Amino acid sequence: MEIKLENTKAQMRKGILELCVLSIIADDEAYPTDIINKLKESELIVVEGTLYPLLNRLKDSGLLDYYWKESRQGPPRKYYKVTPQGSTFLEGLYATWNDLNNSVNQLYNLKTNSKNEQNI
């Protein structure tokens, strides 16, 4: 049971990772390490091996663009920014997330209210 729960949690996190990454980059163009750190702050742990393929897929889809910026600490760094198409896509993701969140909360509230009525 524990293994199945952990697998389901991991799948749920992966499902919303695209929304979270686009949201972070939409706030301000970002370097991948900055993206990982912001995700960690929100307790959404992601490794580079997960992030880079996602960034490439979003870039190839026209949702992200990037540019190189000189670094004082080594070689130039690749910074990502959301394209106009990416902003529109992100708005759609937000709407979908809000709809799903509202539906799940409504179902949870119905279930909770039903249990409370049974205990009366």
N, C-alpha and C. Protein backbone atom coordinates (compact mmCIF):
# COMPACT_ATOMS: atom_id res chain seq x y z
N MET A 1 0.83 -1.20 0.00
CA MET A 1 0.00 0.00 0.00
C MET A 1 0.87 1.26 0.00
N GLU A 2 1.92 1.27 0.81
CA GLU A 2 2.82 2.42 0.92
C GLU A 2 3.49 2.71 -0.43
N ILE A 3 3.92 1.67 -1.14
CA ILE A 3 4.58 1.83 -2.43
C ILE A 3 3.61 2.45 -3.44
N LYS A 4 2.39 1.96 -3.46
CA LYS A 4 1.38 2.49 -4.40
C LYS A 4 1.10 3.96 -4.11
N LEU A 5 0.99 4.33 -2.84
CA LEU A 5 0.74 5.72 -2.47
C LEU A 5 1.88 6.62 -2.94
N GLU A 6 3.10 6.20 -2.72
CA GLU A 6 4.26 7.00 -3.14
C GLU A 6 4.29 7.15 -4.65
N ASN A 7 3.95 6.10 -5.39
CA ASN A 7 3.91 6.17 -6.84
C ASN A 7 2.83 7.15 -7.30
N THR A 8 1.68 7.10 -6.68
CA THR A 8 0.58 8.01 -7.04
C THR A 8 0.97 9.45 -6.74
N LYS A 9 1.60 9.70 -5.60
CA LYS A 9 2.05 11.05 -5.26
C LYS A 9 3.05 11.56 -6.30
N ALA A 10 3.97 10.70 -6.71
CA ALA A 10 4.97 11.09 -7.71
C ALA A 10 4.31 11.43 -9.04
N GLN A 11 3.31 10.66 -9.43
CA GLN A 11 2.61 10.92 -10.68
C GLN A 11 1.84 12.24 -10.61
N MET A 12 1.25 12.52 -9.47
CA MET A 12 0.52 13.79 -9.31
C MET A 12 1.48 14.97 -9.42
N ARG A 13 2.64 14.85 -8.80
CA ARG A 13 3.64 15.93 -8.87
C ARG A 13 4.09 16.15 -10.30
N LYS A 14 4.35 15.07 -11.02
CA LYS A 14 4.78 15.19 -12.41
C LYS A 14 3.71 15.86 -13.24
N GLY A 15 2.47 15.58 -12.93
CA GLY A 15 1.36 16.14 -13.70
C GLY A 15 1.24 17.64 -13.58
N ILE A 16 1.68 18.20 -12.47
CA ILE A 16 1.56 19.65 -12.30
C ILE A 16 2.90 20.37 -12.45
N LEU A 17 3.95 19.61 -12.73
CA LEU A 17 5.27 20.21 -12.85
C LEU A 17 5.34 21.24 -13.98
N GLU A 18 4.72 20.94 -15.10
CA GLU A 18 4.72 21.87 -16.23
C GLU A 18 4.10 23.21 -15.83
N LEU A 19 2.98 23.16 -15.14
CA LEU A 19 2.33 24.37 -14.65
C LEU A 19 3.26 25.15 -13.72
N CYS A 20 3.89 24.45 -12.80
CA CYS A 20 4.76 25.12 -11.82
C CYS A 20 5.98 25.75 -12.49
N VAL A 21 6.60 25.02 -13.41
CA VAL A 21 7.80 25.53 -14.08
C VAL A 21 7.45 26.74 -14.93
N LEU A 22 6.39 26.65 -15.72
CA LEU A 22 5.98 27.81 -16.52
C LEU A 22 5.63 29.00 -15.63
N SER A 23 5.00 28.75 -14.52
CA SER A 23 4.61 29.81 -13.60
C SER A 23 5.85 30.52 -13.03
N ILE A 24 6.85 29.74 -12.66
CA ILE A 24 8.09 30.33 -12.13
C ILE A 24 8.76 31.20 -13.19
N ILE A 25 8.86 30.68 -14.41
CA ILE A 25 9.55 31.41 -15.47
C ILE A 25 8.72 32.62 -15.91
N ALA A 26 7.41 32.54 -15.84
CA ALA A 26 6.56 33.67 -16.21
C ALA A 26 6.75 34.84 -15.24
N ASP A 27 7.02 34.53 -13.98
CA ASP A 27 7.25 35.59 -12.99
C ASP A 27 8.52 36.36 -13.31
N ASP A 28 9.56 35.64 -13.76
CA ASP A 28 10.83 36.27 -14.12
C ASP A 28 11.67 35.23 -14.83
N GLU A 29 12.31 35.63 -15.91
CA GLU A 29 13.16 34.68 -16.62
C GLU A 29 14.08 34.00 -15.61
N ALA A 30 14.44 32.75 -15.90
CA ALA A 30 15.11 31.97 -14.86
C ALA A 30 16.15 31.02 -15.42
N TYR A 31 17.14 30.81 -14.61
CA TYR A 31 18.20 29.83 -14.83
C TYR A 31 17.72 28.52 -14.20
N PRO A 32 18.01 27.37 -14.81
CA PRO A 32 17.49 26.09 -14.28
C PRO A 32 17.74 25.85 -12.80
N THR A 33 18.90 26.22 -12.29
CA THR A 33 19.17 26.03 -10.87
C THR A 33 18.21 26.86 -10.02
N ASP A 34 17.88 28.07 -10.48
CA ASP A 34 16.91 28.92 -9.77
C ASP A 34 15.52 28.26 -9.76
N ILE A 35 15.16 27.65 -10.88
CA ILE A 35 13.86 26.97 -10.98
C ILE A 35 13.81 25.82 -9.98
N ILE A 36 14.86 25.02 -9.94
CA ILE A 36 14.92 23.89 -9.01
C ILE A 36 14.82 24.38 -7.57
N ASN A 37 15.53 25.46 -7.24
CA ASN A 37 15.48 25.99 -5.88
C ASN A 37 14.09 26.50 -5.50
N LYS A 38 13.40 27.15 -6.43
CA LYS A 38 12.04 27.62 -6.14
C LYS A 38 11.08 26.45 -5.97
N LEU A 39 11.27 25.42 -6.76
CA LEU A 39 10.43 24.23 -6.60
C LEU A 39 10.69 23.57 -5.24
N LYS A 40 11.94 23.50 -4.84
CA LYS A 40 12.28 22.91 -3.54
C LYS A 40 11.68 23.72 -2.40
N GLU A 41 11.69 25.05 -2.53
CA GLU A 41 11.08 25.91 -1.50
C GLU A 41 9.61 25.57 -1.31
N SER A 42 8.97 25.13 -2.38
CA SER A 42 7.55 24.76 -2.32
C SER A 42 7.36 23.27 -2.06
N GLU A 43 8.44 22.61 -1.68
CA GLU A 43 8.44 21.18 -1.36
C GLU A 43 8.07 20.31 -2.55
N LEU A 44 8.39 20.80 -3.74
CA LEU A 44 8.21 20.03 -4.96
C LEU A 44 9.62 19.72 -5.46
N ILE A 45 10.16 18.60 -5.02
CA ILE A 45 11.54 18.25 -5.29
C ILE A 45 11.69 17.74 -6.72
N VAL A 46 12.59 18.39 -7.47
CA VAL A 46 12.85 18.02 -8.85
C VAL A 46 14.35 18.01 -9.07
N VAL A 47 14.82 17.04 -9.82
CA VAL A 47 16.24 16.95 -10.13
C VAL A 47 16.47 17.44 -11.55
N GLU A 48 17.72 17.76 -11.86
CA GLU A 48 18.07 18.27 -13.19
C GLU A 48 17.64 17.30 -14.29
N GLY A 49 17.75 16.01 -14.02
CA GLY A 49 17.39 15.00 -15.01
C GLY A 49 15.92 15.01 -15.37
N THR A 50 15.11 15.59 -14.54
CA THR A 50 13.68 15.76 -14.82
C THR A 50 13.42 17.12 -15.45
N LEU A 51 14.11 18.14 -14.96
CA LEU A 51 13.84 19.51 -15.40
C LEU A 51 14.30 19.78 -16.83
N TYR A 52 15.52 19.38 -17.18
CA TYR A 52 16.05 19.73 -18.50
C TYR A 52 15.22 19.16 -19.66
N PRO A 53 14.79 17.90 -19.60
CA PRO A 53 13.93 17.42 -20.68
C PRO A 53 12.61 18.20 -20.77
N LEU A 54 12.06 18.60 -19.63
CA LEU A 54 10.83 19.38 -19.62
C LEU A 54 11.08 20.75 -20.25
N LEU A 55 12.17 21.41 -19.89
CA LEU A 55 12.50 22.71 -20.47
C LEU A 55 12.67 22.60 -21.99
N ASN A 56 13.35 21.56 -22.43
CA ASN A 56 13.54 21.36 -23.88
C ASN A 56 12.22 21.12 -24.59
N ARG A 57 11.35 20.34 -23.99
CA ARG A 57 10.05 20.06 -24.59
C ARG A 57 9.22 21.34 -24.68
N LEU A 58 9.24 22.15 -23.62
CA LEU A 58 8.50 23.42 -23.62
C LEU A 58 9.08 24.39 -24.66
N LYS A 59 10.39 24.39 -24.79
CA LYS A 59 11.05 25.23 -25.78
C LYS A 59 10.69 24.77 -27.19
N ASP A 60 10.77 23.47 -27.43
CA ASP A 60 10.44 22.92 -28.75
C ASP A 60 8.98 23.14 -29.12
N SER A 61 8.12 23.28 -28.11
CA SER A 61 6.69 23.54 -28.34
C SER A 61 6.40 25.03 -28.56
N GLY A 62 7.44 25.86 -28.44
CA GLY A 62 7.25 27.29 -28.64
C GLY A 62 6.74 28.03 -27.42
N LEU A 63 6.74 27.36 -26.26
CA LEU A 63 6.23 27.97 -25.04
C LEU A 63 7.31 28.71 -24.26
N LEU A 64 8.55 28.32 -24.50
CA LEU A 64 9.70 28.97 -23.86
C LEU A 64 10.72 29.37 -24.91
N ASP A 65 11.50 30.35 -24.57
CA ASP A 65 12.66 30.73 -25.36
C ASP A 65 13.81 30.88 -24.36
N TYR A 66 15.01 31.03 -24.85
CA TYR A 66 16.14 31.19 -23.93
C TYR A 66 17.16 32.14 -24.53
N TYR A 67 18.05 32.61 -23.68
CA TYR A 67 19.18 33.42 -24.12
C TYR A 67 20.34 33.11 -23.20
N TRP A 68 21.53 33.41 -23.68
CA TRP A 68 22.74 33.18 -22.89
C TRP A 68 23.13 34.47 -22.17
N LYS A 69 23.56 34.32 -20.92
CA LYS A 69 23.97 35.47 -20.13
C LYS A 69 25.32 35.14 -19.49
N GLU A 70 26.25 36.08 -19.57
CA GLU A 70 27.56 35.88 -18.96
C GLU A 70 27.42 35.70 -17.45
N SER A 71 28.30 34.87 -16.90
CA SER A 71 28.28 34.60 -15.47
C SER A 71 29.63 34.97 -14.87
N ARG A 72 29.60 35.49 -13.66
CA ARG A 72 30.84 35.80 -12.94
C ARG A 72 31.46 34.53 -12.35
N GLN A 73 30.67 33.48 -12.29
CA GLN A 73 31.11 32.25 -11.62
C GLN A 73 31.45 31.14 -12.59
N GLY A 74 31.68 31.43 -13.86
CA GLY A 74 32.00 30.38 -14.80
C GLY A 74 31.50 30.70 -16.19
N PRO A 75 31.15 29.67 -16.92
CA PRO A 75 30.70 29.87 -18.31
C PRO A 75 29.35 30.56 -18.37
N PRO A 76 28.98 31.05 -19.58
CA PRO A 76 27.66 31.68 -19.73
C PRO A 76 26.55 30.73 -19.32
N ARG A 77 25.44 31.31 -18.85
CA ARG A 77 24.29 30.52 -18.39
C ARG A 77 23.11 30.73 -19.33
N LYS A 78 22.33 29.66 -19.48
CA LYS A 78 21.14 29.71 -20.32
C LYS A 78 19.95 30.10 -19.43
N TYR A 79 19.33 31.23 -19.75
CA TYR A 79 18.15 31.70 -19.03
C TYR A 79 16.92 31.50 -19.90
N TYR A 80 15.85 31.00 -19.28
CA TYR A 80 14.61 30.74 -20.00
C TYR A 80 13.60 31.84 -19.72
N LYS A 81 12.78 32.12 -20.75
CA LYS A 81 11.69 33.09 -20.60
C LYS A 81 10.48 32.54 -21.33
N VAL A 82 9.31 32.93 -20.88
CA VAL A 82 8.05 32.47 -21.46
C VAL A 82 7.76 33.30 -22.71
N THR A 83 7.36 32.64 -23.77
CA THR A 83 6.97 33.32 -25.00
C THR A 83 5.52 33.80 -24.88
N PRO A 84 5.06 34.65 -25.80
CA PRO A 84 3.64 35.02 -25.78
C PRO A 84 2.73 33.80 -25.88
N GLN A 85 3.10 32.83 -26.71
CA GLN A 85 2.32 31.59 -26.82
C GLN A 85 2.34 30.85 -25.47
N GLY A 86 3.49 30.88 -24.79
CA GLY A 86 3.61 30.24 -23.48
C GLY A 86 2.73 30.90 -22.44
N SER A 87 2.62 32.23 -22.51
CA SER A 87 1.75 32.96 -21.57
C SER A 87 0.29 32.56 -21.75
N THR A 88 -0.13 32.44 -23.01
CA THR A 88 -1.50 32.02 -23.30
C THR A 88 -1.73 30.59 -22.81
N PHE A 89 -0.77 29.73 -23.06
CA PHE A 89 -0.86 28.34 -22.62
C PHE A 89 -0.94 28.26 -21.10
N LEU A 90 -0.12 29.07 -20.42
CA LEU A 90 -0.11 29.09 -18.96
C LEU A 90 -1.46 29.54 -18.41
N GLU A 91 -2.08 30.52 -19.03
CA GLU A 91 -3.41 30.95 -18.61
C GLU A 91 -4.40 29.79 -18.69
N GLY A 92 -4.30 28.99 -19.76
CA GLY A 92 -5.15 27.81 -19.90
C GLY A 92 -4.87 26.78 -18.82
N LEU A 93 -3.59 26.60 -18.48
CA LEU A 93 -3.23 25.66 -17.41
C LEU A 93 -3.79 26.13 -16.07
N TYR A 94 -3.69 27.45 -15.80
CA TYR A 94 -4.25 27.99 -14.56
C TYR A 94 -5.75 27.72 -14.48
N ALA A 95 -6.45 27.96 -15.58
CA ALA A 95 -7.89 27.74 -15.60
C ALA A 95 -8.21 26.27 -15.36
N THR A 96 -7.46 25.39 -15.99
CA THR A 96 -7.67 23.96 -15.80
C THR A 96 -7.38 23.56 -14.36
N TRP A 97 -6.29 24.07 -13.80
CA TRP A 97 -5.95 23.77 -12.41
C TRP A 97 -7.06 24.25 -11.47
N ASN A 98 -7.54 25.47 -11.69
CA ASN A 98 -8.60 26.00 -10.83
C ASN A 98 -9.87 25.16 -10.92
N ASP A 99 -10.23 24.74 -12.13
CA ASP A 99 -11.40 23.89 -12.31
C ASP A 99 -11.23 22.56 -11.57
N LEU A 100 -10.07 21.93 -11.76
CA LEU A 100 -9.82 20.64 -11.10
C LEU A 100 -9.79 20.80 -9.58
N ASN A 101 -9.13 21.84 -9.12
CA ASN A 101 -9.03 22.09 -7.69
C ASN A 101 -10.41 22.30 -7.08
N ASN A 102 -11.24 23.09 -7.76
CA ASN A 102 -12.60 23.33 -7.28
C ASN A 102 -13.42 22.03 -7.26
N SER A 103 -13.28 21.22 -8.29
CA SER A 103 -14.02 19.95 -8.35
C SER A 103 -13.60 19.01 -7.23
N VAL A 104 -12.30 18.89 -7.02
CA VAL A 104 -11.81 18.00 -5.96
C VAL A 104 -12.25 18.51 -4.60
N ASN A 105 -12.13 19.81 -4.39
CA ASN A 105 -12.57 20.38 -3.11
C ASN A 105 -14.06 20.19 -2.89
N GLN A 106 -14.85 20.34 -3.94
CA GLN A 106 -16.29 20.14 -3.83
C GLN A 106 -16.59 18.69 -3.45
N LEU A 107 -15.93 17.74 -4.10
CA LEU A 107 -16.14 16.33 -3.77
C LEU A 107 -15.69 16.03 -2.34
N TYR A 108 -14.57 16.60 -1.95
CA TYR A 108 -14.07 16.38 -0.59
C TYR A 108 -15.05 16.95 0.43
N ASN A 109 -15.57 18.16 0.16
CA ASN A 109 -16.53 18.79 1.07
C ASN A 109 -17.82 17.98 1.15
N LEU A 110 -18.27 17.46 0.02
CA LEU A 110 -19.48 16.63 0.04
C LEU A 110 -19.25 15.38 0.89
N LYS A 111 -18.08 14.78 0.73
CA LYS A 111 -17.76 13.57 1.50
C LYS A 111 -17.66 13.90 2.99
N THR A 112 -17.00 15.00 3.31
CA THR A 112 -16.85 15.41 4.71
C THR A 112 -18.20 15.73 5.33
N ASN A 113 -19.04 16.46 4.60
CA ASN A 113 -20.38 16.79 5.11
C ASN A 113 -21.22 15.54 5.32
N SER A 114 -21.10 14.59 4.41
CA SER A 114 -21.85 13.34 4.52
C SER A 114 -21.42 12.57 5.78
N LYS A 115 -20.12 12.52 6.04
CA LYS A 115 -19.62 11.84 7.24
C LYS A 115 -20.10 12.54 8.50
N ASN A 116 -20.09 13.88 8.49
CA ASN A 116 -20.55 14.64 9.66
C ASN A 116 -22.02 14.41 9.93
N GLU A 117 -22.82 14.33 8.87
CA GLU A 117 -24.26 14.08 9.05
C GLU A 117 -24.50 12.68 9.60
N GLN A 118 -23.66 11.73 9.23
CA GLN A 118 -23.82 10.36 9.74
C GLN A 118 -23.47 10.27 11.23
N ASN A 119 -22.59 11.15 11.68
CA ASN A 119 -22.17 11.14 13.08
C ASN A 119 -23.14 11.87 13.99
N ILE A 120 -24.11 12.56 13.44
CA ILE A 120 -25.06 13.33 14.25
C ILE A 120 -26.11 12.43 14.85
